Amino acid sequence: MYSATVPAAALREGPHEVVITLFRGDSCVTFPSGLHLKPSDWDYYGRSSWNLDVVGLETPLRLFDPARDAARLAFTRIGDAGRRGLFHLAFSGVTGQPVFHFELPANASGAGLADYTASLVIRDRIRAREEAIAGADEMRVRLRGLGPRQILHVTLMEDDGTSWSAAVTVHDTWEEQSLPLAAFTLGRGVLLPEGFPGEWNYWVAPPAGRGGRGDRPRIDRLERLQLSLRREDARGVTVTPDGYGVEVESITLGFPRPPARDPAGR
């Protein structure tokens, strides 16, 4: 196993593409392409690289990007055969960005599912910002409802199963809502991918010793982001295709910015 450290001053803030060249004696190999050449060689033709974003301590952290993350989601199973998630990607008519179209499906009897959840593992993103992640203080969600008064439950699940939730109420116009992390309350996460058959072990309760007075989300221990639609919120609404749900453009964690200095530099 090899490791290397790059001084912070060696890279400017912004997106980068990275390759790694391993030298042994007179030979070398460059990863991830596996070519026995160096990038500085005149005949180097490798096109593979790793993406690396260098950010500041206060740069928002994108937790959900529809175009990148939709294929990584795990969903509540719809009956015994509905293993694939019910969603599609579209484009915002305001920004032109990809959006995640997420709706409450109906079961075989025509009623909406009691709970329909999409779950995304975000552990690596949290760990990539470990030096500053504990300072995150808000979540920003840009979304709209498929109709008036649609409710999306946003849940942050820690690695021990403790889950913190906030309900976001939206209408059919695009908006960005800021949710203070301090306002998230103890909730129930969902175990996805889901066991088969039935719904055994569907809900995840906090372990013993968690969730008491004074307990708060441990941002550095977050493992999953979950988005949920629930039948109890859709009372009075007939659940039909495109009838109840949301479109989500982005979800980010925000960090407090240091106070601006006055002209005297104080």
Protein backbone atom coordinates (compact mmCIF):
# COMPACT_ATOMS: atom_id res chain seq x y z
CA MET A 1 0.00 0.00 0.00
CA TYR A 2 1.26 3.46 -0.91
CA SER A 3 0.32 6.85 0.45
CA ALA A 4 1.27 10.42 -0.35
CA THR A 5 0.48 13.86 1.00
CA VAL A 6 0.08 16.96 -1.14
CA PRO A 7 0.78 20.30 0.58
CA ALA A 8 -2.31 22.48 0.77
CA ALA A 9 -0.57 25.31 -1.08
CA ALA A 10 0.26 23.06 -4.04
CA LEU A 11 -3.28 23.11 -5.46
CA ARG A 12 -5.60 26.04 -5.98
CA GLU A 13 -9.24 25.88 -5.02
CA GLY A 14 -11.29 24.46 -7.86
CA PRO A 15 -11.86 21.23 -9.84
CA HIS A 16 -8.82 19.17 -10.82
CA GLU A 17 -8.03 15.96 -12.70
CA VAL A 18 -5.41 13.73 -11.08
CA VAL A 19 -3.24 10.81 -12.19
CA ILE A 20 -0.66 8.99 -10.07
CA THR A 21 2.64 7.68 -11.42
CA LEU A 22 4.44 4.91 -9.52
CA PHE A 23 8.19 4.57 -10.08
CA ARG A 24 10.16 1.39 -9.41
CA GLY A 25 13.73 1.32 -10.63
CA ASP A 26 13.77 2.34 -14.29
CA SER A 27 10.11 1.54 -14.86
CA CYS A 28 6.94 3.47 -14.14
CA VAL A 29 3.21 3.01 -14.41
CA THR A 30 0.55 5.73 -14.38
CA PHE A 31 -2.85 5.12 -12.84
CA PRO A 32 -5.76 4.88 -13.42
CA SER A 33 -4.92 4.14 -17.07
CA GLY A 34 -2.20 1.57 -16.22
CA LEU A 35 0.14 2.93 -18.92
CA HIS A 36 3.90 2.44 -18.55
CA LEU A 37 4.45 6.10 -19.37
CA LYS A 38 4.65 9.41 -17.50
CA PRO A 39 2.19 12.22 -18.24
CA SER A 40 5.19 14.35 -19.24
CA ASP A 41 6.27 11.86 -21.94
CA TRP A 42 5.71 13.13 -25.46
CA ASP A 43 3.84 9.97 -26.45
CA TYR A 44 1.63 9.74 -23.36
CA TYR A 45 -1.92 9.04 -24.53
CA GLY A 46 -3.79 8.22 -21.34
CA ARG A 47 -7.23 9.81 -21.01
CA SER A 48 -8.29 8.34 -17.69
CA SER A 49 -8.01 10.39 -14.50
CA TRP A 50 -9.60 10.91 -11.10
CA ASN A 51 -11.62 14.01 -10.37
CA LEU A 52 -10.55 16.00 -7.33
CA ASP A 53 -12.32 19.09 -5.99
CA VAL A 54 -10.23 21.38 -3.81
CA VAL A 55 -12.54 23.51 -1.68
CA GLY A 56 -12.44 26.05 1.10
CA LEU A 57 -13.62 25.34 4.62
CA GLU A 58 -16.90 27.20 4.01
CA THR A 59 -17.65 25.78 0.56
CA PRO A 60 -21.12 24.13 0.58
CA LEU A 61 -21.09 20.34 0.29
CA ARG A 62 -23.38 18.86 -2.35
CA LEU A 63 -25.17 15.89 -0.81
CA PHE A 64 -27.51 15.16 -3.71
CA ASP A 65 -26.95 15.85 -7.39
CA PRO A 66 -29.71 14.20 -9.47
CA ALA A 67 -27.64 13.57 -12.60
CA ARG A 68 -24.82 11.95 -10.63
CA ASP A 69 -26.75 10.22 -7.86
CA ALA A 70 -30.04 8.91 -9.27
CA ALA A 71 -28.46 5.60 -10.31
CA ARG A 72 -27.00 5.16 -6.80
CA LEU A 73 -30.32 5.36 -4.97
CA ALA A 74 -32.02 2.46 -3.18
CA PHE A 75 -35.82 2.56 -2.97
CA THR A 76 -38.66 1.10 -0.94
CA ARG A 77 -39.93 -2.00 -2.71
CA ILE A 78 -43.39 -1.64 -4.28
CA GLY A 79 -45.04 -4.95 -3.43
CA ASP A 80 -43.11 -8.18 -3.88
CA ALA A 81 -42.10 -7.47 -7.46
CA GLY A 82 -41.46 -3.73 -7.55
CA ARG A 83 -37.73 -3.65 -6.95
CA ARG A 84 -36.94 -0.75 -9.26
CA GLY A 85 -37.40 2.80 -8.05
CA LEU A 86 -40.25 4.84 -9.46
CA PHE A 87 -38.62 8.09 -10.58
CA HIS A 88 -37.25 9.87 -13.60
CA LEU A 89 -34.87 12.70 -14.37
CA ALA A 90 -36.13 15.90 -15.96
CA PHE A 91 -34.89 19.47 -16.38
CA SER A 92 -35.85 22.54 -14.41
CA GLY A 93 -37.74 25.07 -16.48
CA VAL A 94 -36.07 27.81 -14.43
CA THR A 95 -32.38 26.87 -14.29
CA GLY A 96 -32.13 24.15 -16.93
CA GLN A 97 -30.47 21.84 -14.39
CA PRO A 98 -31.35 18.13 -14.02
CA VAL A 99 -34.03 17.43 -11.40
CA PHE A 100 -35.14 14.27 -9.59
CA HIS A 101 -38.86 13.61 -10.19
CA PHE A 102 -40.07 11.61 -7.17
CA GLU A 103 -43.70 10.68 -6.61
CA LEU A 104 -45.75 8.59 -4.18
CA PRO A 105 -46.77 5.38 -5.96
CA ALA A 106 -49.99 3.48 -5.41
CA ASN A 107 -50.11 -0.12 -4.27
CA ALA A 108 -52.24 -2.88 -5.82
CA SER A 109 -55.40 -1.57 -4.11
CA GLY A 110 -54.90 1.92 -5.54
CA ALA A 111 -53.90 3.53 -2.23
CA GLY A 112 -50.61 5.35 -1.84
CA LEU A 113 -47.81 3.49 -0.08
CA ALA A 114 -47.57 4.22 3.64
CA ASP A 115 -43.96 5.27 3.06
CA TYR A 116 -41.87 5.56 -0.08
CA THR A 117 -38.20 6.32 0.52
CA ALA A 118 -35.14 6.87 -1.64
CA SER A 119 -31.83 6.35 0.16
CA LEU A 120 -28.35 7.52 -0.85
CA VAL A 121 -25.07 6.59 0.84
CA ILE A 122 -23.15 9.83 1.49
CA ARG A 123 -20.47 8.52 3.86
CA ASP A 124 -17.53 9.19 1.51
CA ARG A 125 -18.63 12.78 0.88
CA ILE A 126 -18.84 13.45 4.60
CA ARG A 127 -15.41 11.94 5.26
CA ALA A 128 -13.86 13.93 2.43
CA ARG A 129 -14.68 17.09 4.39
CA GLU A 130 -13.83 15.72 7.84
CA GLU A 131 -11.70 18.72 8.88
CA ALA A 132 -14.67 21.08 8.71
CA ILE A 133 -17.80 18.92 8.50
CA ALA A 134 -18.71 19.27 12.17
CA GLY A 135 -19.20 23.00 11.57
CA ALA A 136 -22.03 22.55 9.05
CA ASP A 137 -25.10 24.39 10.31
CA GLU A 138 -27.81 24.14 7.65
CA MET A 139 -29.21 22.12 4.79
CA ARG A 140 -30.33 23.86 1.61
CA VAL A 141 -32.91 22.13 -0.55
CA ARG A 142 -33.99 23.43 -3.95
CA LEU A 143 -37.25 21.80 -4.99
CA ARG A 144 -40.88 22.16 -5.98
CA GLY A 145 -44.04 20.14 -5.39
CA LEU A 146 -46.03 18.36 -8.07
CA GLY A 147 -49.05 20.18 -6.68
CA PRO A 148 -50.05 22.40 -3.76
CA ARG A 149 -48.90 21.49 -0.26
CA GLN A 150 -46.68 18.51 -0.93
CA ILE A 151 -44.51 17.30 1.96
CA LEU A 152 -41.04 15.77 1.61
CA HIS A 153 -39.39 14.21 4.66
CA VAL A 154 -35.61 14.65 4.61
CA THR A 155 -33.68 12.32 6.92
CA LEU A 156 -30.00 12.18 7.86
CA MET A 157 -28.98 8.75 9.16
CA GLU A 158 -25.83 8.24 11.21
CA ASP A 159 -23.66 5.12 11.01
CA ASP A 160 -25.29 3.69 14.16
CA GLY A 161 -28.80 4.05 12.72
CA THR A 162 -29.75 7.20 14.64
CA SER A 163 -31.82 9.30 12.24
CA TRP A 164 -32.75 12.98 12.23
CA SER A 165 -35.61 14.30 10.12
CA ALA A 166 -37.22 17.51 8.91
CA ALA A 167 -40.47 17.89 6.96
CA VAL A 168 -40.32 20.25 3.98
CA THR A 169 -43.65 21.63 2.74
CA VAL A 170 -43.65 22.97 -0.82
CA HIS A 171 -46.04 24.02 -3.56
CA ASP A 172 -45.73 23.83 -7.33
CA THR A 173 -43.23 26.69 -7.77
CA TRP A 174 -39.47 26.35 -7.44
CA GLU A 175 -37.90 27.54 -4.22
CA GLU A 176 -34.81 27.01 -2.08
CA GLN A 177 -35.43 26.28 1.57
CA SER A 178 -32.77 26.53 4.28
CA LEU A 179 -33.21 24.05 7.11
CA PRO A 180 -31.11 24.65 10.25
CA LEU A 181 -29.54 21.35 11.27
CA ALA A 182 -30.42 22.22 14.86
CA ALA A 183 -34.10 21.99 13.84
CA PHE A 184 -33.84 18.35 12.72
CA THR A 185 -35.57 16.10 15.24
CA LEU A 186 -35.13 12.44 16.10
CA GLY A 187 -36.89 10.35 13.49
CA ARG A 188 -36.95 6.90 11.92
CA GLY A 189 -34.69 5.92 9.09
CA VAL A 190 -35.40 3.14 6.63
CA LEU A 191 -33.28 0.02 6.06
CA LEU A 192 -32.60 -0.05 2.32
CA PRO A 193 -32.08 -2.10 0.22
CA GLU A 194 -35.16 -3.75 1.68
CA GLY A 195 -35.39 -7.34 2.92
CA PHE A 196 -37.53 -9.86 1.05
CA PRO A 197 -40.30 -10.87 1.36
CA GLY A 198 -42.49 -8.48 3.31
CA GLU A 199 -41.24 -5.41 5.15
CA TRP A 200 -39.39 -6.90 8.11
CA ASN A 201 -36.83 -4.58 9.70
CA TYR A 202 -38.06 -1.71 7.52
CA TRP A 203 -37.81 1.02 10.14
CA VAL A 204 -34.49 1.74 11.87
CA ALA A 205 -34.73 2.90 15.47
CA PRO A 206 -31.89 4.65 17.33
CA PRO A 207 -29.66 2.42 19.49
CA ALA A 208 -29.80 2.46 23.26
CA GLY A 209 -28.40 5.67 24.68
CA ARG A 210 -29.17 7.82 21.65
CA GLY A 211 -31.97 10.31 21.13
CA GLY A 212 -32.23 11.55 24.69
CA ARG A 213 -32.33 15.09 25.96
CA GLY A 214 -29.46 17.11 24.57
CA ASP A 215 -28.64 14.64 21.79
CA ARG A 216 -27.90 16.29 18.46
CA PRO A 217 -27.01 15.15 14.94
CA ARG A 218 -23.38 14.09 14.68
CA ILE A 219 -22.62 15.45 11.25
CA ASP A 220 -19.24 13.73 11.01
CA ARG A 221 -20.97 10.34 11.46
CA LEU A 222 -23.60 10.75 8.74
CA GLU A 223 -23.92 7.75 6.45
CA ARG A 224 -27.15 8.14 4.47
CA LEU A 225 -29.45 10.81 3.09
CA GLN A 226 -33.06 9.68 2.74
CA LEU A 227 -36.01 11.33 0.97
CA SER A 228 -39.49 10.10 1.88
CA LEU A 229 -43.09 10.61 0.76
CA ARG A 230 -45.85 9.34 3.07
CA ARG A 231 -49.50 8.48 2.60
CA GLU A 232 -50.52 10.21 5.83
CA ASP A 233 -49.40 13.55 4.34
CA ALA A 234 -51.51 13.05 1.20
CA ARG A 235 -54.89 12.95 2.94
CA GLY A 236 -57.62 14.22 0.66
CA VAL A 237 -55.43 13.74 -2.42
CA THR A 238 -56.09 10.90 -4.86
CA VAL A 239 -52.77 9.20 -5.51
CA THR A 240 -52.39 9.12 -9.29
CA PRO A 241 -49.33 9.29 -11.55
CA ASP A 242 -47.76 12.74 -11.06
CA GLY A 243 -50.38 13.45 -8.40
CA TYR A 244 -48.30 13.67 -5.22
CA GLY A 245 -44.57 14.19 -4.91
CA VAL A 246 -41.70 16.56 -5.56
CA GLU A 247 -38.95 17.48 -7.96
CA VAL A 248 -35.56 18.05 -6.32
CA GLU A 249 -32.77 19.98 -8.01
CA SER A 250 -30.15 19.93 -5.27
CA ILE A 251 -29.45 19.29 -1.60
CA THR A 252 -26.37 20.82 0.04
CA LEU A 253 -24.88 21.28 3.47
CA GLY A 254 -24.03 24.88 4.30
CA PHE A 255 -21.29 26.23 6.56
CA PRO A 256 -21.18 29.51 8.48
CA ARG A 257 -18.95 32.14 6.92
CA PRO A 258 -16.50 34.08 9.07
CA PRO A 259 -17.55 37.67 9.79
CA ALA A 260 -16.32 40.18 7.23
CA ARG A 261 -13.52 42.45 8.32
CA ASP A 262 -14.05 46.18 8.40
CA PRO A 263 -12.00 48.45 6.08
CA ALA A 264 -9.41 48.92 8.82
CA GLY A 265 -8.70 45.18 8.72
CA ARG A 266 -10.17 44.46 12.15
